Protein backbone atom coordinates (compact mmCIF):
# COMPACT_ATOMS: atom_id res chain seq x y z
CA MET A 1 32.63 59.53 19.43
CA ASP A 2 30.28 60.04 22.36
CA ALA A 3 28.61 56.77 23.36
CA SER A 4 25.79 58.71 24.94
CA LEU A 5 24.71 59.69 21.44
CA ILE A 6 24.31 56.02 20.40
CA ARG A 7 20.93 54.35 20.89
CA THR A 8 20.39 50.61 20.25
CA ILE A 9 17.27 48.64 19.40
CA PRO A 10 17.87 44.85 19.66
CA ASP A 11 15.88 42.19 17.86
CA MET A 12 16.41 38.40 17.76
CA THR A 13 19.12 38.30 15.07
CA SER A 14 19.89 41.98 14.56
CA VAL A 15 20.62 45.22 16.37
CA ALA A 16 19.64 48.65 15.06
CA PHE A 17 21.87 51.66 15.86
CA GLU A 18 20.94 55.33 15.85
CA TRP A 19 23.25 58.23 16.70
CA GLY A 20 23.36 61.99 16.51
CA ARG A 21 24.83 63.58 13.39
CA HIS A 22 28.51 64.51 13.70
CA GLU A 23 28.97 68.28 13.15
CA ASN A 24 32.71 68.06 12.45
CA THR A 25 33.03 68.68 8.71
CA GLY A 26 36.30 66.78 8.71
CA VAL A 27 34.45 63.52 9.48
CA VAL A 28 33.48 61.50 6.43
CA GLY A 29 31.98 58.39 8.04
CA TYR A 30 32.00 55.89 10.86
CA ASN A 31 33.35 52.43 11.71
CA LEU A 32 31.37 49.96 13.83
CA TYR A 33 33.17 47.42 16.02
CA ARG A 34 31.65 44.34 17.66
CA SER A 35 32.51 41.37 19.83
CA ASN A 36 30.51 38.35 20.94
CA LEU A 37 31.08 38.47 24.68
CA GLN A 38 30.58 34.73 25.11
CA LYS A 39 32.95 33.72 22.31
CA ASP A 40 35.35 36.65 21.91
CA GLY A 41 35.30 38.43 25.25
CA ASP A 42 35.88 42.19 24.86
CA LYS A 43 38.03 41.86 21.72
CA LEU A 44 36.34 44.18 19.24
CA VAL A 45 36.45 43.55 15.49
CA LYS A 46 35.35 45.99 12.80
CA VAL A 47 32.13 44.77 11.22
CA ALA A 48 30.93 47.76 9.19
CA THR A 49 32.10 51.01 7.57
CA ILE A 50 29.58 53.80 7.07
CA LYS A 51 30.90 56.12 4.37
CA ASN A 52 28.64 59.15 4.83
CA ARG A 53 28.72 61.31 7.93
CA PHE A 54 25.09 62.27 7.43
CA ILE A 55 23.95 58.65 7.92
CA THR A 56 22.65 58.18 11.45
CA HIS A 57 21.15 54.69 11.27
CA TYR A 58 22.62 51.21 10.76
CA VAL A 59 21.41 47.63 11.33
CA ASP A 60 23.86 44.86 12.27
CA THR A 61 22.42 41.52 11.09
CA LYS A 62 23.05 37.76 11.18
CA LEU A 63 23.46 37.72 14.94
CA GLU A 64 22.69 34.94 17.37
CA PRO A 65 19.50 35.16 19.43
CA ASN A 66 19.68 35.72 23.18
CA THR A 67 23.39 36.66 22.97
CA LYS A 68 25.33 39.54 24.53
CA TYR A 69 27.40 41.72 22.15
CA LEU A 70 29.76 44.59 22.82
CA TYR A 71 29.80 47.52 20.36
CA ALA A 72 31.89 50.64 19.81
CA MET A 73 31.99 53.28 17.07
CA THR A 74 34.68 55.55 15.71
CA ALA A 75 34.49 58.60 13.48
CA VAL A 76 36.58 58.42 10.30
CA LYS A 77 38.32 61.47 8.82
CA GLU A 78 39.19 62.19 5.19
CA ASP A 79 42.71 60.90 5.68
CA GLY A 80 41.37 57.60 7.01
CA LYS A 81 42.31 58.23 10.57
CA GLU A 82 39.83 57.26 13.23
CA SER A 83 38.81 58.98 16.38
CA GLN A 84 39.10 57.31 19.70
CA PRO A 85 36.40 54.63 19.93
CA SER A 86 33.32 55.44 21.85
CA LYS A 87 32.72 53.88 25.17
CA SER A 88 31.63 50.26 24.58
CA VAL A 89 27.91 49.57 24.61
CA MET A 90 26.61 46.13 25.62
CA VAL A 91 23.53 44.90 23.77
CA GLN A 92 21.72 41.58 24.21
CA THR A 93 19.69 40.21 21.30
CA GLN A 94 16.20 39.01 22.06
CA PRO A 95 15.53 35.30 22.65
CA LEU A 96 14.56 33.19 19.66
CA LEU A 97 10.85 33.27 18.94
CA GLU A 98 8.90 30.47 20.58
CA SER A 99 6.90 28.27 18.26
CA VAL A 100 3.17 27.65 18.46
CA SER A 101 1.87 27.03 21.96
CA TYR A 102 -0.33 24.05 21.09
CA ILE A 103 -0.07 21.17 18.58
CA VAL A 104 -2.00 17.91 18.29
CA ALA A 105 -1.88 15.02 15.82
CA ILE A 106 -5.00 12.95 15.09
CA SER A 107 -4.58 9.14 15.07
CA ASN A 108 -6.46 6.26 13.44
CA MET A 109 -6.89 7.80 9.99
CA PRO A 110 -6.32 5.64 6.89
CA LYS A 111 -2.70 6.13 5.72
CA GLN A 112 -2.75 9.76 6.84
CA ILE A 113 -2.43 11.91 9.96
CA LYS A 114 -4.03 15.28 10.63
CA ILE A 115 -2.03 17.95 12.48
CA LEU A 116 -3.72 20.92 14.17
CA TRP A 117 -2.14 23.82 16.07
CA ARG A 118 -3.03 27.14 17.67
CA PRO A 119 -2.21 30.28 15.62
CA HIS A 120 0.97 31.98 16.73
CA GLN A 121 0.27 35.02 18.86
CA SER A 122 2.89 37.13 17.08
CA GLU A 123 1.76 38.90 13.95
CA ARG A 124 5.34 38.76 12.72
CA VAL A 125 4.78 35.09 11.79
CA LYS A 126 3.99 34.38 8.13
CA ASP A 127 4.69 30.61 7.69
CA TYR A 128 4.82 27.33 9.56
CA LEU A 129 7.36 24.58 8.83
CA ILE A 130 5.98 21.06 9.46
CA GLU A 131 8.64 18.50 10.42
CA ARG A 132 8.23 14.72 10.82
CA THR A 133 10.17 11.78 12.14
CA ASP A 134 9.36 8.17 13.05
CA ASN A 135 10.68 5.31 15.12
CA THR A 136 13.20 4.27 12.46
CA THR A 137 15.30 7.47 12.57
CA SER A 138 16.36 10.25 14.91
CA LYS A 139 16.39 12.85 12.14
CA TRP A 140 13.63 15.38 11.52
CA LYS A 141 12.51 15.99 7.96
CA GLU A 142 10.70 19.09 6.75
CA ILE A 143 7.63 17.85 4.87
CA GLU A 144 5.59 21.00 4.25
CA LYS A 145 5.49 24.78 4.58
CA VAL A 146 2.07 26.19 5.47
CA SER A 147 1.69 29.87 4.61
CA GLY A 148 -0.45 32.28 6.62
CA ARG A 149 -0.43 32.77 10.37
CA LEU A 150 -4.08 31.77 10.68
CA ASN A 151 -3.76 28.54 8.65
CA VAL A 152 -3.55 25.92 11.38
CA GLU A 153 -4.23 22.53 9.77
CA TYR A 154 -2.21 20.08 7.71
CA ILE A 155 -2.95 16.49 6.64
CA ASP A 156 0.06 14.28 6.01
CA THR A 157 -0.87 11.68 3.38
CA GLY A 158 0.73 8.71 1.67
CA LEU A 159 1.76 7.08 4.94
CA GLY A 160 1.90 3.41 5.87
CA SER A 161 -0.71 1.59 7.90
CA ASN A 162 -0.45 1.05 11.65
CA GLU A 163 2.72 3.17 11.84
CA ILE A 164 3.71 5.80 14.42
CA TYR A 165 4.89 9.28 13.42
CA MET A 166 6.04 12.33 15.38
CA TYR A 167 5.49 15.95 14.31
CA ARG A 168 6.71 19.39 15.36
CA ILE A 169 6.26 22.92 14.00
CA LYS A 170 8.63 25.85 13.54
CA SER A 171 7.26 29.35 12.97
CA VAL A 172 8.82 31.67 10.39
CA THR A 173 8.66 35.48 10.59
CA PHE A 174 8.41 37.91 7.69
CA ASP A 175 12.14 38.53 7.98
CA ASN A 176 12.72 34.74 7.74
CA ILE A 177 13.65 34.14 11.35
CA VAL A 178 12.86 30.54 12.23
CA SER A 179 11.56 29.91 15.74
CA LYS A 180 12.36 27.13 18.13
CA PRO A 181 10.52 23.86 17.40
CA SER A 182 7.21 23.29 19.10
CA GLU A 183 6.42 20.45 21.43
CA ILE A 184 6.23 17.04 19.72
CA ALA A 185 2.86 15.59 18.72
CA ARG A 186 2.63 11.82 18.22
CA ALA A 187 0.03 9.82 16.29
CA ASN A 188 -0.39 6.51 14.50
CA THR A 189 -2.15 5.64 11.28
CA LYS A 190 -5.08 3.27 11.21
CA PRO A 191 -4.13 -0.43 11.13
CA LEU A 192 -5.21 -2.64 8.25
CA PRO A 193 -8.28 -4.76 8.93
CA GLU A 194 -7.57 -8.24 10.23
CA ASP A 195 -7.60 -11.20 7.85
CA ILE A 196 -10.53 -13.58 7.65
CA LYS A 197 -10.17 -16.96 9.36
CA ASN A 198 -10.44 -20.61 8.32
CA LEU A 199 -10.94 -20.35 4.57
CA TYR A 200 -12.36 -23.63 3.23
CA ALA A 201 -12.69 -24.68 -0.42
CA THR A 202 -14.56 -27.73 -1.73
CA LYS A 203 -13.05 -30.45 -3.90
CA ASP A 204 -16.10 -32.60 -4.64
CA LEU A 205 -18.57 -30.46 -6.58
CA PRO A 206 -19.12 -30.68 -10.35
CA ARG A 207 -17.66 -27.73 -12.30
CA ARG A 208 -17.75 -25.58 -9.15
CA VAL A 209 -15.72 -24.69 -6.07
CA ASP A 210 -17.58 -23.40 -3.02
CA LEU A 211 -15.67 -21.17 -0.59
CA ARG A 212 -16.55 -20.53 3.04
CA TRP A 213 -14.76 -18.51 5.70
CA GLU A 214 -15.11 -17.01 9.16
CA PRO A 215 -15.35 -13.20 9.40
CA SER A 216 -12.58 -10.77 10.25
CA ASN A 217 -12.51 -9.54 13.84
CA THR A 218 -12.28 -5.92 12.65
CA SER A 219 -15.53 -4.14 13.47
CA ASP A 220 -15.76 -1.80 10.45
CA VAL A 221 -15.25 -4.35 7.67
CA VAL A 222 -17.77 -3.68 4.88
CA SER A 223 -16.82 -6.29 2.28
CA TYR A 224 -14.55 -9.16 1.31
CA LYS A 225 -12.55 -9.68 -1.87
CA VAL A 226 -12.01 -13.14 -3.31
CA TYR A 227 -8.78 -13.81 -5.21
CA VAL A 228 -7.83 -16.84 -7.32
CA SER A 229 -4.64 -18.22 -8.83
CA ASN A 230 -3.65 -21.25 -10.90
CA ASN A 231 -0.59 -21.80 -8.72
CA VAL A 232 -0.06 -21.65 -4.98
CA ASP A 233 2.71 -19.05 -5.34
CA GLY A 234 1.43 -17.44 -8.55
CA TYR A 235 -0.34 -14.17 -9.27
CA TYR A 236 -3.73 -13.84 -7.55
CA SER A 237 -6.34 -12.00 -9.60
CA GLU A 238 -9.49 -10.50 -8.13
CA LEU A 239 -12.44 -12.81 -8.64
CA ALA A 240 -15.31 -11.14 -6.80
CA THR A 241 -16.32 -8.74 -4.02
CA VAL A 242 -19.07 -9.68 -1.56
CA SER A 243 -20.67 -7.79 1.33
CA ALA A 244 -19.53 -8.22 4.92
CA SER A 245 -22.65 -10.24 5.66
CA THR A 246 -21.68 -12.82 3.02
CA LEU A 247 -19.18 -15.44 4.12
CA SER A 248 -19.23 -17.70 1.08
CA TYR A 249 -18.74 -17.66 -2.67
CA SER A 250 -19.26 -20.17 -5.50
CA HIS A 251 -16.70 -20.19 -8.28
CA MET A 252 -18.11 -21.71 -11.48
CA LEU A 253 -15.54 -23.48 -13.68
CA ASN A 254 -15.56 -25.28 -17.03
CA ASN A 255 -13.46 -28.36 -16.43
CA ASP A 256 -13.57 -31.49 -14.29
CA GLY A 257 -10.76 -31.87 -11.78
CA GLU A 258 -9.67 -28.23 -12.25
CA VAL A 259 -7.43 -27.07 -9.37
CA LYS A 260 -7.40 -23.46 -8.10
CA PHE A 261 -5.87 -21.61 -5.14
CA TYR A 262 -7.80 -18.97 -3.23
CA LYS A 263 -7.29 -16.03 -0.85
CA VAL A 264 -9.91 -13.76 0.72
CA SER A 265 -9.15 -10.22 2.01
CA SER A 266 -11.09 -7.90 4.32
CA ILE A 267 -12.02 -4.34 3.24
CA ASP A 268 -12.93 -1.74 5.87
CA LYS A 269 -15.06 1.41 5.56
CA ASP A 270 -11.99 3.47 4.61
CA LYS A 271 -11.14 1.04 1.77
CA LEU A 272 -8.12 -0.34 3.60
CA GLU A 273 -7.46 -3.95 2.65
CA SER A 274 -6.04 -6.61 4.92
CA ALA A 275 -2.53 -7.89 4.30
CA MET A 276 -3.71 -11.36 3.20
CA ASN A 277 -0.98 -13.10 5.17
CA LEU A 278 -3.04 -16.26 5.32
CA THR A 279 -1.86 -19.40 3.52
CA PRO A 280 -3.64 -19.99 0.17
CA THR A 281 -6.38 -22.60 0.19
CA MET A 282 -6.64 -25.18 -2.59
CA GLY A 283 -9.96 -26.09 -4.10
CA SER A 284 -10.90 -28.16 -7.12
CA THR A 285 -13.87 -29.27 -9.15
CA LEU A 286 -14.94 -32.87 -8.96
CA THR A 287 -12.81 -35.18 -11.10
CA LYS A 288 -14.29 -37.40 -13.79
CA PRO A 289 -15.48 -40.81 -12.57
CA THR A 290 -12.99 -43.62 -13.20
CA ARG A 291 -13.63 -45.45 -16.43
CA PRO A 292 -14.91 -49.04 -16.11
CA VAL A 293 -12.89 -52.16 -16.95
CA ILE A 294 -14.21 -54.59 -19.58
CA THR A 295 -13.99 -58.17 -18.31
CA LEU A 296 -15.75 -60.01 -21.15
CA ALA A 297 -16.37 -59.29 -24.83
CA GLN A 298 -17.48 -62.14 -27.04
CA ILE A 299 -20.03 -63.38 -29.54
CA GLN A 300 -22.53 -65.83 -28.13
CA GLY A 301 -24.91 -67.22 -30.72
CA GLU A 302 -26.01 -64.17 -32.64
CA ARG A 303 -25.41 -61.71 -29.80
CA ALA A 304 -22.52 -59.56 -28.75
CA ILE A 305 -21.99 -59.86 -24.99
CA ILE A 306 -20.07 -57.19 -23.03
CA ASN A 307 -19.41 -57.47 -19.27
CA TRP A 308 -17.47 -54.98 -17.14
CA VAL A 309 -16.73 -53.87 -13.60
CA ALA A 310 -17.04 -50.33 -12.24
CA GLY A 311 -13.89 -48.23 -11.94
CA ASP A 312 -15.18 -46.62 -8.72
CA ASN A 313 -18.38 -46.36 -6.68
CA ARG A 314 -19.59 -43.15 -8.37
CA ALA A 315 -21.11 -44.65 -11.52
CA ARG A 316 -24.92 -44.46 -11.70
CA SER A 317 -25.27 -45.57 -15.33
CA TYR A 318 -23.18 -46.33 -18.40
CA ASN A 319 -23.02 -45.27 -22.03
CA ILE A 320 -22.16 -47.83 -24.69
CA TYR A 321 -20.42 -46.56 -27.84
CA LYS A 322 -20.96 -48.96 -30.73
CA THR A 323 -18.83 -48.30 -33.80
CA ILE A 324 -20.01 -49.98 -37.02
CA LYS A 325 -17.61 -50.34 -39.91
CA THR A 326 -19.72 -49.45 -42.97
CA GLY A 327 -16.96 -49.40 -45.58
CA PHE A 328 -13.24 -49.68 -46.11
CA PHE A 329 -12.71 -46.10 -44.92
CA SER A 330 -16.07 -45.31 -43.31
CA LYS A 331 -17.78 -46.07 -40.02
CA LYS A 332 -20.76 -45.04 -37.93
CA VAL A 333 -20.95 -44.57 -34.16
CA GLU A 334 -24.06 -45.24 -32.11
CA LYS A 335 -24.37 -44.10 -28.50
CA ILE A 336 -26.59 -46.22 -26.26
CA GLU A 337 -27.28 -44.34 -23.02
CA ASN A 338 -28.49 -45.05 -19.49
CA ILE A 339 -27.40 -48.67 -19.28
CA GLN A 340 -28.03 -50.01 -15.79
CA GLY A 341 -26.01 -52.89 -14.44
CA LEU A 342 -22.69 -54.28 -15.62
CA ARG A 343 -23.71 -56.22 -18.73
CA PHE A 344 -24.82 -55.37 -22.23
CA GLU A 345 -26.22 -57.71 -24.90
CA ASP A 346 -26.40 -56.46 -28.46
CA ARG A 347 -28.69 -58.45 -30.74
CA ASP A 348 -28.64 -55.84 -33.46
CA ILE A 349 -25.61 -57.18 -35.28
CA VAL A 350 -25.09 -58.45 -38.80
CA ARG A 351 -22.87 -61.33 -39.81
CA GLY A 352 -19.57 -60.39 -41.37
CA VAL A 353 -19.63 -56.79 -40.04
CA GLU A 354 -16.98 -55.65 -37.58
CA TYR A 355 -18.25 -53.90 -34.44
CA GLN A 356 -16.22 -52.10 -31.82
CA TYR A 357 -17.50 -51.40 -28.32
CA SER A 358 -16.36 -49.01 -25.61
CA ILE A 359 -17.96 -48.10 -22.29
CA GLN A 360 -18.24 -44.86 -20.35
CA ALA A 361 -19.40 -44.37 -16.73
CA VAL A 362 -21.79 -41.55 -15.79
CA ASP A 363 -22.10 -40.30 -12.18
CA GLU A 364 -25.00 -38.66 -10.36
CA TYR A 365 -23.97 -35.20 -11.58
CA GLY A 366 -23.83 -36.29 -15.22
CA LEU A 367 -20.02 -36.30 -15.30
CA HIS A 368 -18.63 -38.75 -17.85
CA SER A 369 -15.58 -40.92 -17.41
CA GLU A 370 -13.08 -41.55 -20.16
CA GLN A 371 -14.18 -44.29 -22.56
CA THR A 372 -12.61 -47.69 -22.36
CA LYS A 373 -10.41 -48.86 -25.20
CA GLU A 374 -12.54 -50.11 -28.10
CA THR A 375 -13.05 -53.89 -28.20
CA PRO A 376 -13.73 -55.42 -31.66
CA LEU A 377 -16.27 -58.22 -32.22
CA ILE A 378 -17.40 -59.91 -35.47
CA LEU A 379 -20.25 -62.34 -35.98
CA PRO A 380 -18.77 -64.62 -38.72
CA LYS A 381 -20.57 -65.17 -41.97
CA LEU A 382 -22.18 -68.57 -42.52
CA PRO A 383 -20.37 -70.84 -44.97
CA GLU A 384 -21.84 -70.76 -48.48
CA VAL A 385 -23.91 -73.85 -49.51
CA LYS A 386 -22.94 -75.22 -52.95
């Protein structure tokens, strides 16, 4: 077969062949031979059989880009015999398509990174493959395929905070040839806002814990969240959200001496929340005042005399609970409030009736101590005169 009749058109991964029609009616087709000069030298191997002598076009595919190949053709007769091969023709496939010429990744976005690139100059390109890696691995992972040569933006979401990522792009042609990777673009996600500092919680207020803290150093903090737990290592539930200009919070509670643990987080304008790595702070409501101690309880004349000492220095007044036994199974309790001093005289007693007294301290906030144990007193009846 005359090599001068063969014309080649190389592409990146294929070579097209065209030749003049063979006029010999004894020819029924053609065989195509090929060798990869780099790997196989000039050793030709049959790669295709064309079974119709009127065919004058063939495309050899699945080749390597930027590679030199040697080709030859033979004519095949009805009996299967081949003509002498044509003179070998050397063809070099085109280099692999370059990727996009410009790529940039935008940093400091909340848990996401924006990638922008310049449209590929070749109109053969139909898609872009976005690949990503990070500092923890050397492998590239395909994360998205963007269709359309003129679509040149992608936002990678669901990322961590304050983490570095690397991106590159491969271009894909309409015949699914994938280009070289682009240059690498590097970006980092926005860090979480810094924690607040020096959280303080009171322990001496009635039915209330006041919290105070110093602000976060992060400039775009817009609010703070207050969290509370019953245990230092327990679950912390959200208690309140306050503006960035507010550095305090009052937690109203129902019990005296109630202990709570607190954390406060910073929230920035992108709704990122600080890691709350700070140690929990304990706060508590004011405990009840200590109950007094009765030092004297006796009948003097026709009076009941009760003396006591304070349990602590918080008492501002005292309540006396006077229990009167009115029957075998019945009794009545009287509460005598705002007793000043440490002594109580009760002249309102009746002979032969049992009375029981207990005392309760009251502090400046109106908190009541536990009552003392009841102390019984009886003014004896006078002997009957016969």
